[in-house]
Every structure is written in C-alpha cells, then in structure tokens.
Amino acid sequence: MVNFAFIPLAAIAVIIPFATADNCRDGYIYCGSSLLKKGNYLGMIKDKLNAQPNLLLRIPPYDNSLWKCVGSEGDIQYITWCGSHGCFDAGWNKNDYCIPD
C-alpha cells in the first residue's frame, strides 16, 4: 500500500535544492546583475553600498556595479560602478568586467 503522506514530502525534497540561492565563487568578479540572478544578493548589495561613506551610487540600478566574491560563504566586496556602458557577464568560470568606453 502506498503511503500518501510520503509523496508530498518526496516532492518537497526534490524542489528545495532548486529553490535555494546560489553563492558566488570565491575570487571571481561579478556584475551586480549576475549576483542578482544568482539569488539573495539584493539586500547584501544595498548594505555594502550604504556602508561606503563617499559613494554616490546608493539607489538602483545595481546591475552596472562590479563586485568581488570573498570567501566560501558568498560574501561580496564592492569594486566599482561600470557607468553608462554597463557591465558584461563573461559567463561561467570567467570574471565579469566593465564594458570600456
């Protein structure tokens, strides 16, 4: 006999890994847009930008900002804002970068 209570639990166990956020990889450089696609980085981006005393970029869009991933827990460090030309997502295993003027 099939235990019907087991079926929803099995479905949840399969779905949860896909719902969790992905951390950045230590040492790699990411566009703000790349971090936002990964998962729960919006709050961290806002906090890090607000902690910069002389930084004017404290409002969206955060997409054109450039960040370095620091450590294995997904922490990030602000590098620069890429300006109007934007930030380029170089893809897996490569550093993102600001598009030159």
C-alpha atoms as a PDB file:
ATOM      1  CA  MET A   1       0.000   0.000   0.000  1.00  0.00           C
ATOM      2  CA  VAL A   2       1.242   3.495  -0.870  1.00  0.00           C
ATOM      3  CA  ASN A   3       1.699   5.946   1.974  1.00  0.00           C
ATOM      4  CA  PHE A   4       0.188   9.134   0.534  1.00  0.00           C
ATOM      5  CA  ALA A   5       1.810  11.337   3.186  1.00  0.00           C
ATOM      6  CA  PHE A   6       5.198  10.330   1.794  1.00  0.00           C
ATOM      7  CA  ILE A   7       4.502  11.678  -1.712  1.00  0.00           C
ATOM      8  CA  PRO A   8       4.333  15.411  -0.768  1.00  0.00           C
ATOM      9  CA  LEU A   9       7.468  15.048   1.362  1.00  0.00           C
ATOM     10  CA  ALA A  10       9.333  13.479  -1.539  1.00  0.00           C
ATOM     11  CA  ALA A  11       8.217  16.292  -3.844  1.00  0.00           C
ATOM     12  CA  ILE A  12       9.447  18.927  -1.378  1.00  0.00           C
ATOM     13  CA  ALA A  13      12.805  17.175  -1.049  1.00  0.00           C
ATOM     14  CA  VAL A  14      13.230  17.357  -4.822  1.00  0.00           C
ATOM     15  CA  ILE A  15      12.159  21.009  -5.157  1.00  0.00           C
ATOM     16  CA  ILE A  16      14.125  22.576  -2.265  1.00  0.00           C
ATOM     17  CA  PRO A  17      17.602  22.303  -3.842  1.00  0.00           C
ATOM     18  CA  PHE A  18      16.361  24.247  -6.866  1.00  0.00           C
ATOM     19  CA  ALA A  19      14.767  26.974  -4.744  1.00  0.00           C
ATOM     20  CA  THR A  20      17.858  27.817  -2.725  1.00  0.00           C
ATOM     21  CA  ALA A  21      20.092  30.680  -3.760  1.00  0.00           C
ATOM     22  CA  ASP A  22      23.445  30.081  -5.373  1.00  0.00           C
ATOM     23  CA  ASN A  23      26.525  31.696  -3.822  1.00  0.00           C
ATOM     24  CA  CYS A  24      29.191  33.424  -5.843  1.00  0.00           C
ATOM     25  CA  ARG A  25      32.552  31.667  -6.221  1.00  0.00           C
ATOM     26  CA  ASP A  26      35.484  32.909  -4.149  1.00  0.00           C
ATOM     27  CA  GLY A  27      37.881  35.179  -6.033  1.00  0.00           C
ATOM     28  CA  TYR A  28      35.675  35.751  -9.068  1.00  0.00           C
ATOM     29  CA  ILE A  29      34.439  39.163 -10.226  1.00  0.00           C
ATOM     30  CA  TYR A  30      30.694  39.596 -10.798  1.00  0.00           C
ATOM     31  CA  CYS A  31      28.405  42.235 -12.247  1.00  0.00           C
ATOM     32  CA  GLY A  32      25.621  43.314  -9.935  1.00  0.00           C
ATOM     33  CA  SER A  33      23.193  41.862 -12.474  1.00  0.00           C
ATOM     34  CA  SER A  34      24.923  38.466 -12.260  1.00  0.00           C
ATOM     35  CA  LEU A  35      24.673  38.460  -8.468  1.00  0.00           C
ATOM     36  CA  LEU A  36      21.003  39.420  -8.573  1.00  0.00           C
ATOM     37  CA  LYS A  37      20.325  36.476 -10.918  1.00  0.00           C
ATOM     38  CA  LYS A  38      22.113  34.110  -8.529  1.00  0.00           C
ATOM     39  CA  GLY A  39      19.761  34.747  -5.665  1.00  0.00           C
ATOM     40  CA  ASN A  40      19.588  36.624  -2.403  1.00  0.00           C
ATOM     41  CA  TYR A  41      22.123  39.349  -3.130  1.00  0.00           C
ATOM     42  CA  LEU A  42      19.897  42.442  -3.293  1.00  0.00           C
ATOM     43  CA  GLY A  43      19.977  43.063   0.460  1.00  0.00           C
ATOM     44  CA  MET A  44      23.719  42.452   0.649  1.00  0.00           C
ATOM     45  CA  ILE A  45      24.381  44.796  -2.295  1.00  0.00           C
ATOM     46  CA  LYS A  46      22.311  47.546  -0.653  1.00  0.00           C
ATOM     47  CA  ASP A  47      24.065  47.055   2.704  1.00  0.00           C
ATOM     48  CA  LYS A  48      27.541  47.103   1.160  1.00  0.00           C
ATOM     49  CA  LEU A  49      26.804  50.242  -0.874  1.00  0.00           C
ATOM     50  CA  ASN A  50      25.323  52.023   2.134  1.00  0.00           C
ATOM     51  CA  ALA A  51      28.491  51.216   4.094  1.00  0.00           C
ATOM     52  CA  GLN A  52      30.632  53.118   1.555  1.00  0.00           C
ATOM     53  CA  PRO A  53      30.985  56.633   3.050  1.00  0.00           C
ATOM     54  CA  ASN A  54      31.733  58.574  -0.151  1.00  0.00           C
ATOM     55  CA  LEU A  55      29.768  56.515  -2.631  1.00  0.00           C
ATOM     56  CA  LEU A  56      27.021  58.234  -4.601  1.00  0.00           C
ATOM     57  CA  LEU A  57      25.567  55.006  -6.042  1.00  0.00           C
ATOM     58  CA  ARG A  58      23.084  54.055  -3.351  1.00  0.00           C
ATOM     59  CA  ILE A  59      19.974  53.721  -5.482  1.00  0.00           C
ATOM     60  CA  PRO A  60      19.144  51.306  -8.302  1.00  0.00           C
ATOM     61  CA  PRO A  61      20.121  50.215 -10.848  1.00  0.00           C
ATOM     62  CA  TYR A  62      22.633  47.946  -9.187  1.00  0.00           C
ATOM     63  CA  ASP A  63      23.160  45.981 -12.410  1.00  0.00           C
ATOM     64  CA  ASN A  64      26.159  48.024 -13.549  1.00  0.00           C
ATOM     65  CA  SER A  65      28.128  47.647 -10.342  1.00  0.00           C
ATOM     66  CA  LEU A  66      31.168  45.335 -10.176  1.00  0.00           C
ATOM     67  CA  TRP A  67      31.862  43.050  -7.191  1.00  0.00           C
ATOM     68  CA  LYS A  68      34.473  40.572  -5.990  1.00  0.00           C
ATOM     69  CA  CYS A  69      33.352  37.388  -4.281  1.00  0.00           C
ATOM     70  CA  VAL A  70      35.216  36.950  -0.997  1.00  0.00           C
ATOM     71  CA  GLY A  71      35.304  33.625   0.840  1.00  0.00           C
ATOM     72  CA  SER A  72      33.298  30.450   0.507  1.00  0.00           C
ATOM     73  CA  GLU A  73      30.135  31.841   2.133  1.00  0.00           C
ATOM     74  CA  GLY A  74      29.239  34.159  -0.765  1.00  0.00           C
ATOM     75  CA  ASP A  75      30.314  37.472   0.749  1.00  0.00           C
ATOM     76  CA  ILE A  76      30.996  40.274  -1.730  1.00  0.00           C
ATOM     77  CA  GLN A  77      33.217  43.356  -1.870  1.00  0.00           C
ATOM     78  CA  TYR A  78      32.354  46.435  -3.949  1.00  0.00           C
ATOM     79  CA  ILE A  79      34.867  47.281  -6.701  1.00  0.00           C
ATOM     80  CA  THR A  80      33.356  49.997  -8.899  1.00  0.00           C
ATOM     81  CA  TRP A  81      30.392  51.218 -10.895  1.00  0.00           C
ATOM     82  CA  CYS A  82      30.699  50.486 -14.610  1.00  0.00           C
ATOM     83  CA  GLY A  83      28.963  53.607 -15.853  1.00  0.00           C
ATOM     84  CA  SER A  84      26.620  54.006 -18.781  1.00  0.00           C
ATOM     85  CA  HIS A  85      28.313  51.381 -20.968  1.00  0.00           C
ATOM     86  CA  GLY A  86      27.420  48.711 -18.457  1.00  0.00           C
ATOM     87  CA  CYS A  87      28.842  45.525 -17.065  1.00  0.00           C
ATOM     88  CA  PHE A  88      29.478  42.391 -19.134  1.00  0.00           C
ATOM     89  CA  ASP A  89      28.619  38.916 -17.814  1.00  0.00           C
ATOM     90  CA  ALA A  90      31.521  36.823 -19.145  1.00  0.00           C
ATOM     91  CA  GLY A  91      29.884  33.525 -18.237  1.00  0.00           C
ATOM     92  CA  TRP A  92      30.843  30.517 -16.144  1.00  0.00           C
ATOM     93  CA  ASN A  93      34.407  30.285 -14.833  1.00  0.00           C
ATOM     94  CA  LYS A  94      35.311  33.780 -16.113  1.00  0.00           C
ATOM     95  CA  ASN A  95      35.403  37.200 -14.475  1.00  0.00           C
ATOM     96  CA  ASP A  96      32.748  39.746 -15.404  1.00  0.00           C
ATOM     97  CA  TYR A  97      34.012  43.199 -16.330  1.00  0.00           C
ATOM     98  CA  CYS A  98      33.020  46.773 -17.103  1.00  0.00           C
ATOM     99  CA  ILE A  99      32.462  47.454 -20.801  1.00  0.00           C
ATOM    100  CA  PRO A 100      35.074  50.057 -21.831  1.00  0.00           C
ATOM    101  CA  ASP A 101      34.023  53.478 -23.115  1.00  0.00           C
END
